[in-house]
């Protein structure tokens, strides 16, 4: 998850652990848009069309089908925004490193390309509210997946984690009575879990959900407990990027993201692309 975890790779603070004691009910739909929050309604004529940029190499968020058609959660969300706004929109794929400069320079309008909202990216673009976050979760061998995921529950147990990540730092800070076993990368971590060399792992929930839903996991494992979402460790989430001076478009997109959450469209898209959810 090379882009959405940029913020998670740098440990920036010492927030306490969120409550993640019990598994989330299934299916659980994230509600990132508080209906009580006042969303600015832009003038009806202020946004005429939207030129979206994305990339075509990051499934299941945005990728190209065999015939070149763009598909994925982000693509469907952008199309839903345009349909609800009744606007003519285009969605074009570009190399990731060219996306933000295009938006900054006003050559295109909005980027929906798994761009993390960080202090560095905020220097060049503005962001909508996040449309998904990048939580961490525990995954366990299937027979041991029920139960709490708390420091008390895991005292004395060995937890696998990728070396040098925010996930390792989080465990070191808040699961002090657990024994940590580090691995060089996620593939090695999950291979050890599947082979029962370890019984618990802690990592990026999106990557874990995709693995659990793939043949690679062999049905060995399942999530234990709920998501850990501390932004100091796991980032502020992923948002749509727009030019800093395009407040009208940012406000229109914020309004639509809230509308799609409240009318059930967001939930439908989330379940379509993530049958095993990451929250």
Protein backbone atom coordinates (compact mmCIF):
# COMPACT_ATOMS: atom_id res chain seq x y z
CA UNK A 1 0.00 0.00 0.00
CA UNK A 2 2.68 2.39 -1.12
CA UNK A 3 0.75 5.64 -1.15
CA UNK A 4 -1.93 5.50 1.47
CA UNK A 5 0.60 4.46 4.08
CA UNK A 6 2.97 7.37 3.57
CA UNK A 7 1.64 9.05 6.68
CA UNK A 8 1.68 5.84 8.67
CA UNK A 9 5.37 5.27 8.13
CA UNK A 10 6.31 8.27 10.23
CA UNK A 11 5.46 8.14 13.93
CA UNK A 12 4.52 11.65 14.96
CA UNK A 13 2.95 11.46 18.40
CA UNK A 14 2.00 9.55 21.52
CA UNK A 15 -1.78 9.28 21.49
CA UNK A 16 -3.38 6.59 23.64
CA UNK A 17 -4.77 3.42 22.06
CA UNK A 18 -8.30 3.54 20.72
CA UNK A 19 -10.85 1.09 21.98
CA UNK A 20 -10.71 -1.90 19.65
CA UNK A 21 -11.61 -4.61 22.08
CA UNK A 22 -14.44 -6.27 20.20
CA UNK A 23 -14.69 -7.32 16.57
CA UNK A 24 -16.68 -4.95 14.41
CA UNK A 25 -20.12 -6.30 13.44
CA UNK A 26 -20.28 -7.69 9.92
CA UNK A 27 -20.86 -6.08 7.57
CA UNK A 28 -19.66 -2.80 9.10
CA UNK A 29 -19.95 0.33 6.97
CA UNK A 30 -17.64 3.20 7.95
CA UNK A 31 -19.45 6.49 8.52
CA UNK A 32 -16.85 9.18 7.96
CA UNK A 33 -19.32 12.00 7.39
CA UNK A 34 -21.08 13.40 10.44
CA UNK A 35 -24.59 14.48 9.35
CA UNK A 36 -24.51 17.13 12.10
CA UNK A 37 -21.43 18.76 10.56
CA UNK A 38 -22.31 21.83 8.52
CA UNK A 39 -21.22 21.37 4.92
CA UNK A 40 -20.94 24.56 2.87
CA UNK A 41 -23.30 24.45 -0.12
CA UNK A 42 -21.58 26.07 -3.12
CA UNK A 43 -23.54 28.18 -5.60
CA UNK A 44 -25.34 25.96 -8.09
CA UNK A 45 -23.50 27.43 -11.07
CA UNK A 46 -20.00 27.46 -9.58
CA UNK A 47 -18.97 23.98 -10.76
CA UNK A 48 -19.69 23.15 -14.41
CA UNK A 49 -17.66 19.98 -14.89
CA UNK A 50 -14.92 17.97 -13.18
CA UNK A 51 -11.75 16.62 -14.75
CA UNK A 52 -10.62 13.81 -12.44
CA UNK A 53 -7.12 12.32 -12.46
CA UNK A 54 -6.22 8.91 -11.09
CA UNK A 55 -3.77 6.09 -11.77
CA UNK A 56 -4.43 2.68 -13.26
CA UNK A 57 -2.17 0.49 -11.12
CA UNK A 58 -3.65 0.35 -7.63
CA UNK A 59 -6.42 -2.28 -7.38
CA UNK A 60 -9.03 -2.43 -6.01
CA UNK A 61 -9.09 1.35 -5.71
CA UNK A 62 -8.20 2.36 -9.26
CA UNK A 63 -6.93 0.13 -12.04
CA UNK A 64 -7.38 -0.68 -15.71
CA UNK A 65 -9.36 -3.66 -16.98
CA UNK A 66 -8.08 -5.73 -19.89
CA UNK A 67 -9.80 -3.43 -22.37
CA UNK A 68 -8.30 -0.32 -20.76
CA UNK A 69 -11.48 0.74 -18.96
CA UNK A 70 -10.86 2.24 -15.54
CA UNK A 71 -12.45 0.45 -12.59
CA UNK A 72 -12.27 0.35 -8.82
CA UNK A 73 -13.71 1.83 -5.65
CA UNK A 74 -12.31 5.31 -6.32
CA UNK A 75 -13.51 5.25 -9.92
CA UNK A 76 -17.03 4.25 -8.95
CA UNK A 77 -17.07 6.91 -6.23
CA UNK A 78 -16.01 9.64 -8.68
CA UNK A 79 -18.71 8.54 -11.13
CA UNK A 80 -21.31 8.55 -8.36
CA UNK A 81 -20.30 12.11 -7.41
CA UNK A 82 -20.71 13.26 -11.00
CA UNK A 83 -24.03 11.47 -11.45
CA UNK A 84 -25.45 13.03 -8.29
CA UNK A 85 -24.20 16.49 -9.27
CA UNK A 86 -25.50 15.93 -12.83
CA UNK A 87 -22.18 17.12 -14.21
CA UNK A 88 -20.16 16.07 -17.21
CA UNK A 89 -16.96 14.53 -15.86
CA UNK A 90 -13.87 12.85 -17.23
CA UNK A 91 -11.57 10.44 -15.42
CA UNK A 92 -8.11 9.97 -16.86
CA UNK A 93 -5.19 7.88 -15.64
CA UNK A 94 -1.71 9.38 -15.29
CA UNK A 95 1.56 8.35 -13.68
CA UNK A 96 1.29 8.93 -9.95
CA UNK A 97 4.18 11.40 -9.76
CA UNK A 98 2.46 13.69 -12.30
CA UNK A 99 -0.94 13.82 -10.62
CA UNK A 100 -0.41 16.48 -7.94
CA UNK A 101 1.52 18.87 -10.24
CA UNK A 102 -1.39 18.71 -12.71
CA UNK A 103 -3.85 19.67 -9.97
CA UNK A 104 -1.59 22.33 -8.47
CA UNK A 105 -1.16 23.99 -11.88
CA UNK A 106 -4.89 23.87 -12.64
CA UNK A 107 -4.49 21.63 -15.68
CA UNK A 108 -6.99 19.21 -14.14
CA UNK A 109 -9.56 19.67 -11.41
CA UNK A 110 -9.42 16.84 -8.87
CA UNK A 111 -7.27 13.84 -8.04
CA UNK A 112 -8.78 10.65 -6.68
CA UNK A 113 -5.63 8.56 -6.53
CA UNK A 114 -5.00 7.26 -2.99
CA UNK A 115 -3.23 10.46 -2.00
CA UNK A 116 -2.57 10.73 1.72
CA UNK A 117 -3.49 13.99 3.44
CA UNK A 118 -0.16 14.96 5.01
CA UNK A 119 1.60 18.25 5.85
CA UNK A 120 3.74 17.77 2.73
CA UNK A 121 0.84 17.27 0.32
CA UNK A 122 -1.13 20.11 1.93
CA UNK A 123 1.63 22.47 0.83
CA UNK A 124 0.63 22.01 -2.81
CA UNK A 125 -3.09 21.11 -2.84
CA UNK A 126 -6.24 21.29 -0.73
CA UNK A 127 -8.23 18.24 0.36
CA UNK A 128 -11.82 17.25 0.86
CA UNK A 129 -12.92 15.34 3.93
CA UNK A 130 -11.41 11.83 3.88
CA UNK A 131 -13.43 9.19 2.06
CA UNK A 132 -11.56 6.37 3.77
CA UNK A 133 -8.96 6.02 6.47
CA UNK A 134 -6.05 3.61 6.80
CA UNK A 135 -6.56 1.79 10.12
CA UNK A 136 -4.44 -0.95 11.62
CA UNK A 137 -5.86 -4.27 12.77
CA UNK A 138 -4.88 -7.57 14.30
CA UNK A 139 -5.27 -10.77 12.30
CA UNK A 140 -5.13 -14.18 13.96
CA UNK A 141 -5.30 -17.82 13.07
CA UNK A 142 -8.99 -18.57 12.51
CA UNK A 143 -9.53 -20.68 15.67
CA UNK A 144 -8.17 -17.81 17.78
CA UNK A 145 -9.86 -14.87 16.03
CA UNK A 146 -12.65 -14.42 18.56
CA UNK A 147 -12.08 -12.28 21.61
CA UNK A 148 -10.69 -8.92 22.59
CA UNK A 149 -7.72 -7.19 21.01
CA UNK A 150 -6.41 -5.26 23.99
CA UNK A 151 -3.05 -4.93 25.73
CA UNK A 152 -4.43 -7.08 28.55
CA UNK A 153 -5.66 -9.82 26.21
CA UNK A 154 -2.29 -10.06 24.45
CA UNK A 155 -0.02 -9.83 27.50
CA UNK A 156 2.74 -12.42 27.13
CA UNK A 157 1.72 -13.34 23.56
CA UNK A 158 3.91 -13.00 20.47
CA UNK A 159 2.71 -10.56 17.83
CA UNK A 160 4.25 -10.39 14.37
CA UNK A 161 4.80 -6.99 12.79
CA UNK A 162 6.81 -5.49 9.95
CA UNK A 163 10.08 -3.99 11.13
CA UNK A 164 10.42 -0.21 11.16
CA UNK A 165 6.76 0.61 10.60
CA UNK A 166 4.29 2.73 12.51
CA UNK A 167 2.56 -0.53 13.42
CA UNK A 168 5.67 -1.74 15.23
CA UNK A 169 6.03 1.60 17.02
CA UNK A 170 2.40 1.51 18.08
CA UNK A 171 2.74 -1.96 19.57
CA UNK A 172 5.92 -0.96 21.37
CA UNK A 173 4.16 2.04 22.88
CA UNK A 174 0.84 0.49 23.90
CA UNK A 175 1.23 -3.30 23.99
CA UNK A 176 4.26 -3.31 26.24
CA UNK A 177 3.55 -6.71 27.78
CA UNK A 178 3.38 -8.47 24.42
CA UNK A 179 6.41 -9.99 22.71
CA UNK A 180 7.09 -8.49 19.30
CA UNK A 181 8.55 -10.52 16.45
CA UNK A 182 9.68 -8.36 13.52
CA UNK A 183 9.64 -9.33 9.84
CA UNK A 184 11.32 -7.57 6.91
CA UNK A 185 8.10 -7.09 4.93
CA UNK A 186 4.40 -7.89 4.91
CA UNK A 187 4.78 -10.94 2.66
CA UNK A 188 7.13 -12.54 5.17
CA UNK A 189 4.82 -11.60 8.04
CA UNK A 190 1.76 -13.16 6.46
CA UNK A 191 3.65 -16.25 5.31
CA UNK A 192 4.74 -16.83 8.91
CA UNK A 193 1.19 -16.42 10.14
CA UNK A 194 -0.22 -18.80 7.56
CA UNK A 195 2.48 -21.35 8.44
CA UNK A 196 1.54 -21.01 12.14
CA UNK A 197 5.01 -19.78 13.06
CA UNK A 198 3.18 -16.92 14.79
CA UNK A 199 -0.46 -16.75 15.86
CA UNK A 200 -1.07 -13.01 15.66
CA UNK A 201 -0.05 -10.22 13.31
CA UNK A 202 -0.62 -6.45 13.36
CA UNK A 203 -0.57 -4.48 10.10
CA UNK A 204 -2.39 -2.20 7.70
CA UNK A 205 -6.04 -3.23 7.71
CA UNK A 206 -6.62 -2.61 4.01
CA UNK A 207 -3.80 -4.91 2.97
CA UNK A 208 -4.93 -7.50 5.49
CA UNK A 209 -8.53 -7.40 4.24
CA UNK A 210 -7.42 -7.91 0.65
CA UNK A 211 -5.20 -10.82 1.71
CA UNK A 212 -7.96 -12.45 3.76
CA UNK A 213 -10.29 -12.22 0.76
CA UNK A 214 -7.71 -13.74 -1.63
CA UNK A 215 -6.67 -17.35 -2.29
CA UNK A 216 -3.26 -16.51 -0.81
CA UNK A 217 -4.61 -16.67 2.73
CA UNK A 218 -6.07 -20.14 2.22
CA UNK A 219 -8.79 -19.30 4.73
CA UNK A 220 -6.24 -19.59 7.51
CA UNK A 221 -7.01 -16.47 9.40
CA UNK A 222 -9.47 -13.77 10.36
CA UNK A 223 -9.51 -10.33 11.90
CA UNK A 224 -9.47 -10.16 15.68
CA UNK A 225 -10.88 -7.07 17.32
CA UNK A 226 -11.70 -3.81 15.61
CA UNK A 227 -9.69 -1.07 13.91
CA UNK A 228 -7.05 1.18 15.46
CA UNK A 229 -7.28 4.62 13.86
CA UNK A 230 -4.92 6.99 15.72
CA UNK A 231 -3.90 9.60 13.16
CA UNK A 232 -0.54 10.15 14.87
CA UNK A 233 0.43 6.66 13.80
CA UNK A 234 -1.85 5.70 10.91
CA UNK A 235 -2.43 8.98 9.08
CA UNK A 236 -5.37 11.30 8.46
CA UNK A 237 -6.91 9.19 5.74
CA UNK A 238 -7.30 9.53 1.99
CA UNK A 239 -9.10 12.46 0.38
CA UNK A 240 -9.79 13.99 -3.01
CA UNK A 241 -7.18 16.63 -3.88
CA UNK A 242 -8.08 19.91 -5.56
CA UNK A 243 -6.21 23.12 -6.29
CA UNK A 244 -5.80 25.37 -3.27
CA UNK A 245 -7.70 28.21 -4.92
CA UNK A 246 -10.67 26.04 -5.98
CA UNK A 247 -12.78 26.30 -2.84
CA UNK A 248 -16.03 25.94 -4.78
CA UNK A 249 -15.05 22.50 -6.08
CA UNK A 250 -13.79 21.33 -2.69
CA UNK A 251 -17.06 22.40 -1.07
CA UNK A 252 -19.12 20.69 -3.80
CA UNK A 253 -17.16 17.47 -3.36
CA UNK A 254 -17.50 17.59 0.42
CA UNK A 255 -21.25 18.01 0.05
CA UNK A 256 -21.48 15.09 -2.37
CA UNK A 257 -19.38 12.77 -0.21
CA UNK A 258 -21.73 13.51 2.67
CA UNK A 259 -24.79 12.96 0.45
CA UNK A 260 -23.48 9.64 -0.88
CA UNK A 261 -22.83 8.48 2.66
CA UNK A 262 -26.31 9.38 3.83
CA UNK A 263 -28.20 7.93 0.82
CA UNK A 264 -26.44 4.56 0.97
CA UNK A 265 -24.39 4.84 -2.22
CA UNK A 266 -21.10 4.87 -0.33
CA UNK A 267 -22.11 1.74 1.57
CA UNK A 268 -23.02 -0.07 -1.64
CA UNK A 269 -19.66 0.75 -3.22
CA UNK A 270 -17.74 -0.21 -0.09
CA UNK A 271 -19.39 -3.63 0.08
CA UNK A 272 -18.92 -4.16 -3.65
CA UNK A 273 -15.16 -3.65 -3.51
CA UNK A 274 -14.44 -4.85 0.04
CA UNK A 275 -16.52 -7.95 0.80
CA UNK A 276 -14.22 -8.42 3.78
CA UNK A 277 -14.16 -4.88 5.13
CA UNK A 278 -11.09 -3.30 6.65
CA UNK A 279 -12.86 -1.55 9.55
